[in-house]
Amino acid sequence: MNIKYGLNHITHLVEEKKVKLVIIANDVDPIELVVWLPQLCRKQQVPFCFVKNKARLGTLVGLKTATALAITEVRKEDAAELDLYVKNYIAAYNDNLEIRKTWGGGIVGIKARHKIEKK
């Protein structure tokens, strides 16, 4: 199994669609470091998932912590298991419309309503 880490490196691999699965830690601080990564994965149709702790990701790559990992290759005997995980993660994260929030909804505040009424 080839595991790549580092946000810049993962971003480059996702853009080139060389990644089979992206794993993101849920306790990254500041969150702005990885908040854009799920949308990039959806756009490039790369499966992604979240794990509970960035220390767990760090143990996989021999570091104290890691914010995200990318799996690029697996052995042939593990390919079927990875495909099962990928199918589940696509259903749970990539295609799940409940996760995607729409903000706003066309409701304006009281000050904006007064300005619109004056016009």
C-alpha atoms as a PDB file:
ATOM      1  CA  MET A   1       0.000   0.000   0.000  1.00  0.00           C
ATOM      2  CA  ASN A   2       1.288   3.461  -0.905  1.00  0.00           C
ATOM      3  CA  ILE A   3       0.252   6.171   1.524  1.00  0.00           C
ATOM      4  CA  LYS A   4       1.007   9.800   0.715  1.00  0.00           C
ATOM      5  CA  TYR A   5       0.699  12.664   3.175  1.00  0.00           C
ATOM      6  CA  GLY A   6       1.029  16.442   3.158  1.00  0.00           C
ATOM      7  CA  LEU A   7      -1.755  18.735   1.994  1.00  0.00           C
ATOM      8  CA  ASN A   8       0.088  20.141  -1.002  1.00  0.00           C
ATOM      9  CA  HIS A   9       1.093  16.687  -2.190  1.00  0.00           C
ATOM     10  CA  ILE A  10      -2.417  15.280  -1.673  1.00  0.00           C
ATOM     11  CA  THR A  11      -3.946  18.240  -3.512  1.00  0.00           C
ATOM     12  CA  HIS A  12      -1.660  17.673  -6.473  1.00  0.00           C
ATOM     13  CA  LEU A  13      -2.501  13.955  -6.559  1.00  0.00           C
ATOM     14  CA  VAL A  14      -6.260  14.590  -6.297  1.00  0.00           C
ATOM     15  CA  GLU A  15      -6.136  17.101  -9.137  1.00  0.00           C
ATOM     16  CA  GLU A  16      -4.393  14.504 -11.299  1.00  0.00           C
ATOM     17  CA  LYS A  17      -6.858  11.797 -10.144  1.00  0.00           C
ATOM     18  CA  LYS A  18      -4.048   9.488  -9.014  1.00  0.00           C
ATOM     19  CA  VAL A  19      -5.686   8.840  -5.638  1.00  0.00           C
ATOM     20  CA  LYS A  20      -7.916   5.904  -4.743  1.00  0.00           C
ATOM     21  CA  LEU A  21      -9.012   7.260  -1.339  1.00  0.00           C
ATOM     22  CA  VAL A  22      -8.435  10.438   0.701  1.00  0.00           C
ATOM     23  CA  ILE A  23      -8.630  10.212   4.500  1.00  0.00           C
ATOM     24  CA  ILE A  24      -9.091  13.467   6.440  1.00  0.00           C
ATOM     25  CA  ALA A  25      -8.790  13.971  10.212  1.00  0.00           C
ATOM     26  CA  ASN A  26     -11.762  15.639  11.879  1.00  0.00           C
ATOM     27  CA  ASP A  27      -9.812  17.504  14.567  1.00  0.00           C
ATOM     28  CA  VAL A  28      -7.595  19.689  12.387  1.00  0.00           C
ATOM     29  CA  ASP A  29      -6.956  23.128  13.865  1.00  0.00           C
ATOM     30  CA  PRO A  30      -7.369  25.578  12.151  1.00  0.00           C
ATOM     31  CA  ILE A  31     -10.108  23.901  10.134  1.00  0.00           C
ATOM     32  CA  GLU A  32      -9.367  26.150   7.134  1.00  0.00           C
ATOM     33  CA  LEU A  33      -6.446  23.880   6.309  1.00  0.00           C
ATOM     34  CA  VAL A  34      -8.714  21.078   5.101  1.00  0.00           C
ATOM     35  CA  VAL A  35     -12.183  22.597   4.714  1.00  0.00           C
ATOM     36  CA  TRP A  36     -11.807  22.831   0.924  1.00  0.00           C
ATOM     37  CA  LEU A  37     -10.509  19.286   0.432  1.00  0.00           C
ATOM     38  CA  PRO A  38     -13.893  17.461   0.454  1.00  0.00           C
ATOM     39  CA  GLN A  39     -15.234  19.767  -2.257  1.00  0.00           C
ATOM     40  CA  LEU A  40     -12.144  19.187  -4.393  1.00  0.00           C
ATOM     41  CA  CYS A  41     -12.582  15.443  -3.957  1.00  0.00           C
ATOM     42  CA  ARG A  42     -16.244  15.678  -5.003  1.00  0.00           C
ATOM     43  CA  LYS A  43     -15.320  17.725  -8.065  1.00  0.00           C
ATOM     44  CA  GLN A  44     -12.627  15.252  -9.127  1.00  0.00           C
ATOM     45  CA  GLN A  45     -14.824  12.267  -8.168  1.00  0.00           C
ATOM     46  CA  VAL A  46     -12.275  10.961  -5.668  1.00  0.00           C
ATOM     47  CA  PRO A  47     -13.694   9.130  -2.631  1.00  0.00           C
ATOM     48  CA  PHE A  48     -12.895  10.617   0.768  1.00  0.00           C
ATOM     49  CA  CYS A  49     -13.701   9.958   4.405  1.00  0.00           C
ATOM     50  CA  PHE A  50     -13.127  11.405   7.853  1.00  0.00           C
ATOM     51  CA  VAL A  51     -11.425   9.679  10.786  1.00  0.00           C
ATOM     52  CA  LYS A  52     -11.645  10.532  14.442  1.00  0.00           C
ATOM     53  CA  ASN A  53      -8.146  11.690  15.284  1.00  0.00           C
ATOM     54  CA  LYS A  54      -5.167  13.146  13.441  1.00  0.00           C
ATOM     55  CA  ALA A  55      -2.841  11.185  15.731  1.00  0.00           C
ATOM     56  CA  ARG A  56      -4.248   7.970  14.215  1.00  0.00           C
ATOM     57  CA  LEU A  57      -3.255   9.197  10.778  1.00  0.00           C
ATOM     58  CA  GLY A  58       0.155  10.156  12.079  1.00  0.00           C
ATOM     59  CA  THR A  59       0.878   6.625  13.259  1.00  0.00           C
ATOM     60  CA  LEU A  60       0.341   5.329   9.717  1.00  0.00           C
ATOM     61  CA  VAL A  61       3.065   7.561   8.284  1.00  0.00           C
ATOM     62  CA  GLY A  62       5.441   7.594  11.253  1.00  0.00           C
ATOM     63  CA  LEU A  63       4.694  11.126  12.433  1.00  0.00           C
ATOM     64  CA  LYS A  64       3.105  12.541  15.552  1.00  0.00           C
ATOM     65  CA  THR A  65       0.076  13.844  13.644  1.00  0.00           C
ATOM     66  CA  ALA A  66      -1.130  14.102  10.057  1.00  0.00           C
ATOM     67  CA  THR A  67      -4.076  16.126   8.775  1.00  0.00           C
ATOM     68  CA  ALA A  68      -4.810  14.029   5.701  1.00  0.00           C
ATOM     69  CA  LEU A  69      -3.613  10.938   3.873  1.00  0.00           C
ATOM     70  CA  ALA A  70      -4.061   9.657   0.350  1.00  0.00           C
ATOM     71  CA  ILE A  71      -3.966   6.017  -0.683  1.00  0.00           C
ATOM     72  CA  THR A  72      -2.585   5.709  -4.202  1.00  0.00           C
ATOM     73  CA  GLU A  73      -1.899   1.988  -4.633  1.00  0.00           C
ATOM     74  CA  VAL A  74      -2.764  -1.246  -2.866  1.00  0.00           C
ATOM     75  CA  ARG A  75      -1.687  -4.833  -3.276  1.00  0.00           C
ATOM     76  CA  LYS A  76      -3.836  -6.999  -5.513  1.00  0.00           C
ATOM     77  CA  GLU A  77      -5.029  -9.130  -2.610  1.00  0.00           C
ATOM     78  CA  ASP A  78      -6.272  -5.998  -0.797  1.00  0.00           C
ATOM     79  CA  ALA A  79      -7.920  -4.377  -3.823  1.00  0.00           C
ATOM     80  CA  ALA A  80     -11.313  -6.001  -3.223  1.00  0.00           C
ATOM     81  CA  GLU A  81     -11.406  -4.779   0.373  1.00  0.00           C
ATOM     82  CA  LEU A  82     -10.446  -1.253  -0.699  1.00  0.00           C
ATOM     83  CA  ASP A  83     -13.178  -1.289  -3.356  1.00  0.00           C
ATOM     84  CA  LEU A  84     -15.718  -2.189  -0.671  1.00  0.00           C
ATOM     85  CA  TYR A  85     -14.555   0.713   1.498  1.00  0.00           C
ATOM     86  CA  VAL A  86     -14.556   3.083  -1.469  1.00  0.00           C
ATOM     87  CA  LYS A  87     -18.119   2.119  -2.380  1.00  0.00           C
ATOM     88  CA  ASN A  88     -19.280   2.752   1.199  1.00  0.00           C
ATOM     89  CA  TYR A  89     -17.440   6.091   1.453  1.00  0.00           C
ATOM     90  CA  ILE A  90     -18.832   7.315  -1.858  1.00  0.00           C
ATOM     91  CA  ALA A  91     -22.347   6.627  -0.611  1.00  0.00           C
ATOM     92  CA  ALA A  92     -21.674   8.130   2.824  1.00  0.00           C
ATOM     93  CA  TYR A  93     -19.670  11.243   1.879  1.00  0.00           C
ATOM     94  CA  ASN A  94     -19.407  12.006  -1.850  1.00  0.00           C
ATOM     95  CA  ASP A  95     -23.049  11.418  -2.825  1.00  0.00           C
ATOM     96  CA  ASN A  96     -24.680  12.335   0.490  1.00  0.00           C
ATOM     97  CA  LEU A  97     -26.776  15.448  -0.079  1.00  0.00           C
ATOM     98  CA  GLU A  98     -27.573  15.871   3.625  1.00  0.00           C
ATOM     99  CA  ILE A  99     -23.950  16.770   4.356  1.00  0.00           C
ATOM    100  CA  ARG A 100     -23.948  19.574   1.812  1.00  0.00           C
ATOM    101  CA  LYS A 101     -25.554  22.561   3.451  1.00  0.00           C
ATOM    102  CA  THR A 102     -27.048  25.391   1.482  1.00  0.00           C
ATOM    103  CA  TRP A 103     -26.645  28.707   3.169  1.00  0.00           C
ATOM    104  CA  GLY A 104     -28.987  31.651   2.997  1.00  0.00           C
ATOM    105  CA  GLY A 105     -32.110  30.645   1.182  1.00  0.00           C
ATOM    106  CA  GLY A 106     -33.017  34.134  -0.046  1.00  0.00           C
ATOM    107  CA  ILE A 107     -34.077  35.458   3.364  1.00  0.00           C
ATOM    108  CA  VAL A 108     -32.739  38.940   3.965  1.00  0.00           C
ATOM    109  CA  GLY A 109     -32.438  40.825   7.218  1.00  0.00           C
ATOM    110  CA  ILE A 110     -34.640  43.652   8.460  1.00  0.00           C
ATOM    111  CA  LYS A 111     -32.266  46.427   7.303  1.00  0.00           C
ATOM    112  CA  ALA A 112     -32.062  44.993   3.802  1.00  0.00           C
ATOM    113  CA  ARG A 113     -35.863  44.686   3.640  1.00  0.00           C
ATOM    114  CA  HIS A 114     -36.265  48.344   4.569  1.00  0.00           C
ATOM    115  CA  LYS A 115     -33.789  49.388   1.867  1.00  0.00           C
ATOM    116  CA  ILE A 116     -35.630  47.274  -0.710  1.00  0.00           C
ATOM    117  CA  GLU A 117     -38.999  48.768   0.327  1.00  0.00           C
ATOM    118  CA  LYS A 118     -37.625  52.348  -0.049  1.00  0.00           C
ATOM    119  CA  LYS A 119     -36.652  51.634  -3.659  1.00  0.00           C
END
